[in-house]
């Protein structure tokens, strides 16, 4: 072991700035098979959403919502212009 002039040994390279500091952080690196993809909670949820069709369903829901919003706005404009013109609607 190397000793500095102050009598303190230098920090071990094992505990470098980028090394995990707890057993919880170290577990995936220590026990994970290098050839297999790393599966996390996020990747499981993303895969489930992709295979369940939730993404397409959400996209369709947003499209329907936009269409309803546009229709409702058009109707409000018609009512407003009708009131503004004294009862005659301009379509």
Protein backbone atom coordinates (compact mmCIF):
# COMPACT_ATOMS: atom_id res chain seq x y z
CA UNK A 1 0.00 0.00 0.00
CA UNK A 2 1.26 3.46 -0.90
CA UNK A 3 1.63 5.98 1.90
CA UNK A 4 1.55 9.74 1.35
CA UNK A 5 3.97 11.99 3.20
CA UNK A 6 1.19 12.86 5.63
CA UNK A 7 0.82 9.19 6.53
CA UNK A 8 -2.60 8.83 4.85
CA UNK A 9 -3.05 6.34 2.05
CA UNK A 10 -4.58 7.63 -1.21
CA UNK A 11 -8.20 6.78 -1.96
CA UNK A 12 -8.78 3.42 -3.55
CA UNK A 13 -9.59 3.45 -7.29
CA UNK A 14 -12.56 1.23 -6.45
CA UNK A 15 -14.29 4.19 -4.84
CA UNK A 16 -13.81 6.57 -7.73
CA UNK A 17 -16.19 9.38 -8.55
CA UNK A 18 -18.26 7.18 -10.86
CA UNK A 19 -18.39 3.99 -8.83
CA UNK A 20 -21.62 3.09 -7.03
CA UNK A 21 -21.49 3.85 -3.33
CA UNK A 22 -24.12 1.49 -1.98
CA UNK A 23 -24.88 -2.19 -2.38
CA UNK A 24 -28.20 -1.26 -4.02
CA UNK A 25 -26.41 0.74 -6.72
CA UNK A 26 -23.77 -1.96 -7.16
CA UNK A 27 -26.18 -4.94 -7.48
CA UNK A 28 -27.06 -4.57 -11.19
CA UNK A 29 -23.40 -4.31 -12.17
CA UNK A 30 -22.38 -7.23 -9.96
CA UNK A 31 -25.18 -9.71 -10.76
CA UNK A 32 -26.28 -8.79 -14.28
CA UNK A 33 -25.43 -11.01 -17.22
CA UNK A 34 -23.43 -8.90 -19.69
CA UNK A 35 -25.04 -10.43 -22.82
CA UNK A 36 -28.65 -10.01 -21.68
CA UNK A 37 -30.41 -6.64 -21.94
CA UNK A 38 -30.90 -4.81 -18.65
CA UNK A 39 -34.58 -4.92 -17.68
CA UNK A 40 -35.81 -2.11 -15.45
CA UNK A 41 -39.26 -1.19 -14.21
CA UNK A 42 -39.41 1.55 -16.85
CA UNK A 43 -38.58 -0.83 -19.72
CA UNK A 44 -41.20 -3.31 -18.49
CA UNK A 45 -43.90 -0.60 -18.38
CA UNK A 46 -42.88 0.73 -21.82
CA UNK A 47 -43.01 -2.75 -23.33
CA UNK A 48 -46.41 -3.40 -21.75
CA UNK A 49 -47.81 -0.12 -23.10
CA UNK A 50 -46.41 -0.84 -26.56
CA UNK A 51 -47.90 -4.31 -26.76
CA UNK A 52 -51.25 -3.42 -25.23
CA UNK A 53 -52.04 -0.76 -27.82
CA UNK A 54 -52.30 1.97 -25.20
CA UNK A 55 -50.26 4.36 -27.32
CA UNK A 56 -52.59 4.11 -30.31
CA UNK A 57 -55.63 4.34 -28.05
CA UNK A 58 -54.26 7.49 -26.43
CA UNK A 59 -53.53 9.00 -29.85
CA UNK A 60 -57.08 8.29 -31.03
CA UNK A 61 -58.50 9.78 -27.84
CA UNK A 62 -56.53 12.98 -28.38
CA UNK A 63 -57.78 13.20 -31.99
CA UNK A 64 -61.42 12.77 -30.89
CA UNK A 65 -60.93 15.38 -28.17
CA UNK A 66 -59.51 17.87 -30.68
CA UNK A 67 -62.44 17.26 -33.05
CA UNK A 68 -64.98 17.78 -30.25
CA UNK A 69 -63.19 20.93 -29.12
CA UNK A 70 -63.29 22.35 -32.66
CA UNK A 71 -67.00 21.54 -33.05
CA UNK A 72 -67.84 23.12 -29.70
CA UNK A 73 -65.88 26.25 -30.57
CA UNK A 74 -67.69 26.57 -33.90
CA UNK A 75 -71.06 26.31 -32.15
CA UNK A 76 -70.05 28.96 -29.59
CA UNK A 77 -68.99 31.31 -32.38
CA UNK A 78 -72.34 30.81 -34.14
CA UNK A 79 -74.27 31.61 -30.94
CA UNK A 80 -72.11 34.66 -30.29
CA UNK A 81 -72.52 36.06 -33.78
CA UNK A 82 -76.26 35.38 -33.61
CA UNK A 83 -76.54 37.41 -30.38
CA UNK A 84 -74.25 40.09 -31.76
CA UNK A 85 -76.34 40.55 -34.93
CA UNK A 86 -79.63 40.65 -33.08
CA UNK A 87 -80.89 37.16 -33.79
CA UNK A 88 -79.69 36.48 -37.34
CA UNK A 89 -77.11 33.73 -37.54
CA UNK A 90 -74.41 33.86 -40.17
CA UNK A 91 -73.15 30.38 -40.95
